[in-house]
N, C-alpha and C. Protein backbone atom coordinates (compact mmCIF):
# COMPACT_ATOMS: atom_id res chain seq x y z
N UNK A 1 23.75 -34.27 42.99
CA UNK A 1 25.16 -34.16 43.28
C UNK A 1 25.98 -34.13 41.98
N UNK A 2 25.64 -35.02 41.04
CA UNK A 2 26.35 -35.02 39.76
C UNK A 2 25.41 -35.60 38.71
N UNK A 3 25.78 -35.41 37.46
CA UNK A 3 24.95 -35.96 36.39
C UNK A 3 25.19 -37.46 36.30
N UNK A 4 24.38 -38.13 35.50
CA UNK A 4 24.44 -39.59 35.41
C UNK A 4 25.62 -40.09 34.58
N UNK A 5 26.32 -39.21 33.91
CA UNK A 5 27.43 -39.63 33.07
C UNK A 5 28.66 -39.95 33.93
N UNK A 6 29.33 -41.06 33.66
CA UNK A 6 30.51 -41.42 34.47
C UNK A 6 31.64 -40.41 34.40
N UNK A 7 31.73 -39.68 33.30
CA UNK A 7 32.82 -38.71 33.18
C UNK A 7 32.69 -37.59 34.21
N UNK A 8 31.45 -37.33 34.65
CA UNK A 8 31.23 -36.30 35.66
C UNK A 8 31.20 -36.88 37.07
N UNK A 9 30.72 -38.10 37.23
CA UNK A 9 30.56 -38.68 38.56
C UNK A 9 31.89 -39.05 39.21
N UNK A 10 32.84 -39.52 38.45
CA UNK A 10 34.10 -39.96 39.03
C UNK A 10 34.85 -38.80 39.70
N UNK A 11 35.00 -37.64 39.05
CA UNK A 11 35.67 -36.53 39.75
C UNK A 11 34.91 -36.07 40.99
N UNK A 12 33.60 -36.08 40.94
CA UNK A 12 32.82 -35.67 42.11
C UNK A 12 33.01 -36.67 43.25
N UNK A 13 33.03 -37.96 42.93
CA UNK A 13 33.25 -38.98 43.94
C UNK A 13 34.64 -38.82 44.57
N UNK A 14 35.65 -38.57 43.76
CA UNK A 14 37.00 -38.35 44.30
C UNK A 14 37.05 -37.11 45.18
N UNK A 15 36.33 -36.08 44.79
CA UNK A 15 36.29 -34.87 45.60
C UNK A 15 35.65 -35.14 46.96
N UNK A 16 34.55 -35.87 46.96
CA UNK A 16 33.87 -36.19 48.22
C UNK A 16 34.78 -37.03 49.12
N UNK A 17 35.43 -38.05 48.54
CA UNK A 17 36.32 -38.89 49.33
C UNK A 17 37.53 -38.12 49.86
N UNK A 18 38.12 -37.29 49.03
CA UNK A 18 39.29 -36.52 49.45
C UNK A 18 38.94 -35.55 50.57
N UNK A 19 37.83 -34.85 50.43
CA UNK A 19 37.43 -33.91 51.47
C UNK A 19 37.05 -34.65 52.76
N UNK A 20 36.49 -35.84 52.65
CA UNK A 20 36.17 -36.63 53.84
C UNK A 20 37.45 -37.02 54.57
N UNK A 21 38.47 -37.47 53.83
CA UNK A 21 39.73 -37.83 54.46
C UNK A 21 40.40 -36.60 55.08
N UNK A 22 40.29 -35.45 54.43
CA UNK A 22 40.86 -34.24 55.00
C UNK A 22 40.18 -33.89 56.32
N UNK A 23 38.85 -34.03 56.38
CA UNK A 23 38.14 -33.74 57.62
C UNK A 23 38.50 -34.73 58.72
N UNK A 24 38.72 -36.00 58.34
CA UNK A 24 39.11 -37.00 59.34
C UNK A 24 40.45 -36.68 59.99
N UNK A 25 41.34 -36.07 59.23
CA UNK A 25 42.66 -35.73 59.76
C UNK A 25 42.71 -34.30 60.27
N UNK A 26 41.53 -33.70 60.53
CA UNK A 26 41.41 -32.36 61.12
C UNK A 26 42.10 -31.27 60.31
N UNK A 27 42.01 -31.35 59.02
CA UNK A 27 42.59 -30.35 58.15
C UNK A 27 41.53 -29.31 57.81
N UNK A 28 41.96 -28.07 57.63
CA UNK A 28 41.02 -27.02 57.23
C UNK A 28 41.02 -26.81 55.72
N UNK A 29 41.90 -27.49 55.03
CA UNK A 29 41.99 -27.36 53.58
C UNK A 29 40.84 -28.11 52.91
N UNK A 30 40.45 -27.65 51.76
CA UNK A 30 39.41 -28.29 50.97
C UNK A 30 39.90 -28.42 49.53
N UNK A 31 39.46 -29.47 48.87
CA UNK A 31 39.82 -29.70 47.47
C UNK A 31 38.59 -29.39 46.62
N UNK A 32 38.80 -28.61 45.59
CA UNK A 32 37.71 -28.29 44.66
C UNK A 32 38.05 -28.87 43.30
N UNK A 33 37.04 -29.35 42.60
CA UNK A 33 37.25 -29.92 41.27
C UNK A 33 36.28 -29.27 40.29
N UNK A 34 36.57 -29.42 39.02
CA UNK A 34 35.66 -29.01 37.96
C UNK A 34 35.91 -29.93 36.78
N UNK A 35 34.93 -30.04 35.92
CA UNK A 35 35.03 -30.99 34.82
C UNK A 35 35.37 -30.32 33.49
N UNK A 36 35.55 -29.02 33.47
CA UNK A 36 35.96 -28.36 32.24
C UNK A 36 37.48 -28.44 32.14
N UNK A 37 38.01 -29.05 31.07
CA UNK A 37 39.46 -29.19 30.98
C UNK A 37 40.19 -27.87 30.72
N UNK A 38 39.54 -26.93 30.03
CA UNK A 38 40.18 -25.67 29.69
C UNK A 38 39.23 -24.52 29.96
N UNK A 39 39.79 -23.39 30.27
CA UNK A 39 38.98 -22.19 30.40
C UNK A 39 38.65 -21.67 29.01
N UNK A 40 37.52 -21.06 28.86
CA UNK A 40 37.13 -20.50 27.56
C UNK A 40 37.78 -19.13 27.43
N UNK A 41 38.70 -19.01 26.50
CA UNK A 41 39.42 -17.75 26.34
C UNK A 41 39.07 -17.05 25.03
N UNK A 42 38.22 -17.67 24.22
CA UNK A 42 37.88 -17.05 22.95
C UNK A 42 36.88 -15.93 23.16
N UNK A 43 37.07 -14.88 22.40
CA UNK A 43 36.10 -13.80 22.45
C UNK A 43 34.96 -14.12 21.48
N UNK A 44 33.79 -13.52 21.68
CA UNK A 44 32.66 -13.78 20.76
C UNK A 44 32.95 -13.37 19.33
N UNK A 45 33.84 -12.39 19.14
CA UNK A 45 34.16 -11.94 17.77
C UNK A 45 34.88 -13.06 17.01
N UNK A 46 35.76 -13.78 17.67
CA UNK A 46 36.47 -14.87 17.01
C UNK A 46 35.50 -15.97 16.62
N UNK A 47 34.55 -16.29 17.50
CA UNK A 47 33.57 -17.33 17.19
C UNK A 47 32.70 -16.92 16.01
N UNK A 48 32.31 -15.65 15.94
CA UNK A 48 31.48 -15.22 14.81
C UNK A 48 32.30 -15.22 13.52
N UNK A 49 33.58 -14.86 13.59
CA UNK A 49 34.43 -14.90 12.40
C UNK A 49 34.57 -16.33 11.88
N UNK A 50 34.78 -17.28 12.78
CA UNK A 50 34.90 -18.68 12.38
C UNK A 50 33.60 -19.17 11.75
N UNK A 51 32.47 -18.74 12.33
CA UNK A 51 31.17 -19.13 11.78
C UNK A 51 31.01 -18.62 10.35
N UNK A 52 31.35 -17.35 10.11
CA UNK A 52 31.16 -16.79 8.77
C UNK A 52 32.15 -17.39 7.76
N UNK A 53 33.33 -17.75 8.20
CA UNK A 53 34.27 -18.42 7.29
C UNK A 53 33.73 -19.78 6.89
N UNK A 54 33.21 -20.53 7.87
CA UNK A 54 32.64 -21.85 7.56
C UNK A 54 31.40 -21.72 6.68
N UNK A 55 30.57 -20.72 6.96
CA UNK A 55 29.37 -20.50 6.15
C UNK A 55 29.74 -20.18 4.71
N UNK A 56 30.73 -19.33 4.51
CA UNK A 56 31.18 -18.99 3.16
C UNK A 56 31.70 -20.23 2.43
N UNK A 57 32.49 -21.04 3.13
CA UNK A 57 33.02 -22.25 2.54
C UNK A 57 31.90 -23.21 2.13
N UNK A 58 30.90 -23.36 2.98
CA UNK A 58 29.78 -24.25 2.67
C UNK A 58 28.95 -23.72 1.50
N UNK A 59 28.79 -22.41 1.42
CA UNK A 59 28.04 -21.85 0.29
C UNK A 59 28.79 -22.05 -1.03
N UNK A 60 30.10 -21.92 -1.00
CA UNK A 60 30.89 -22.17 -2.22
C UNK A 60 30.79 -23.63 -2.61
N UNK A 61 30.86 -24.51 -1.62
CA UNK A 61 30.71 -25.93 -1.90
C UNK A 61 29.34 -26.25 -2.47
N UNK A 62 28.30 -25.66 -1.89
CA UNK A 62 26.94 -25.92 -2.35
C UNK A 62 26.73 -25.40 -3.76
N UNK A 63 27.42 -24.33 -4.12
CA UNK A 63 27.29 -23.80 -5.47
C UNK A 63 28.03 -24.67 -6.48
N UNK A 64 29.05 -25.40 -6.05
CA UNK A 64 29.83 -26.19 -6.99
C UNK A 64 29.35 -27.60 -7.18
N UNK A 65 28.55 -28.12 -6.28
CA UNK A 65 28.14 -29.52 -6.39
C UNK A 65 27.10 -29.79 -7.49
N UNK A 66 26.05 -29.02 -7.64
CA UNK A 66 25.07 -29.34 -8.69
C UNK A 66 25.65 -29.37 -10.11
N UNK A 67 26.53 -28.43 -10.49
CA UNK A 67 27.12 -28.55 -11.83
C UNK A 67 27.95 -29.83 -11.99
N UNK A 68 28.58 -30.26 -10.94
CA UNK A 68 29.37 -31.50 -11.00
C UNK A 68 28.46 -32.68 -11.34
N UNK A 69 27.30 -32.77 -10.69
CA UNK A 69 26.39 -33.87 -10.97
C UNK A 69 25.78 -33.74 -12.36
N UNK A 70 25.54 -32.51 -12.79
CA UNK A 70 24.97 -32.30 -14.13
C UNK A 70 25.96 -32.73 -15.21
N UNK A 71 27.22 -32.38 -15.07
CA UNK A 71 28.24 -32.76 -16.04
C UNK A 71 28.41 -34.28 -16.03
N UNK A 72 28.37 -34.87 -14.87
CA UNK A 72 28.53 -36.32 -14.77
C UNK A 72 27.39 -37.03 -15.49
N UNK A 73 26.16 -36.57 -15.31
CA UNK A 73 25.04 -37.23 -15.99
C UNK A 73 25.07 -36.96 -17.50
N UNK A 74 25.56 -35.80 -17.92
CA UNK A 74 25.68 -35.53 -19.35
C UNK A 74 26.72 -36.44 -20.00
N UNK A 75 27.81 -36.71 -19.30
CA UNK A 75 28.83 -37.62 -19.84
C UNK A 75 28.25 -39.03 -19.94
N UNK A 76 27.44 -39.44 -18.97
CA UNK A 76 26.80 -40.75 -19.04
C UNK A 76 25.84 -40.80 -20.21
N UNK A 77 25.15 -39.70 -20.50
CA UNK A 77 24.21 -39.65 -21.62
C UNK A 77 24.95 -39.77 -22.94
N UNK A 78 26.11 -39.09 -23.05
CA UNK A 78 26.89 -39.13 -24.28
C UNK A 78 27.41 -40.54 -24.57
N UNK A 79 27.84 -41.23 -23.53
CA UNK A 79 28.38 -42.55 -23.68
C UNK A 79 27.27 -43.58 -23.80
N UNK A 80 26.06 -43.20 -23.48
CA UNK A 80 24.84 -44.04 -23.50
C UNK A 80 25.00 -45.22 -22.52
N UNK A 81 25.46 -44.85 -21.31
CA UNK A 81 25.61 -45.91 -20.32
C UNK A 81 24.34 -46.09 -19.49
């Protein structure tokens, strides 16, 4: 009926109770629920663009970190710490 997580079980429980009360009062209406707060409106092209921007940023970061550590250790060597 629902997954074991409380975030999913509570809406399902409310749906079952609401529909039960509607049937008790001879209503033909039904209540439907879903646990996704927003519809997915992004296109796959936007997701791939975001991925490549993040990948480029991480590659630039990865290229800049080793020289930083090398300079830091050279300064420690000069000071003889």
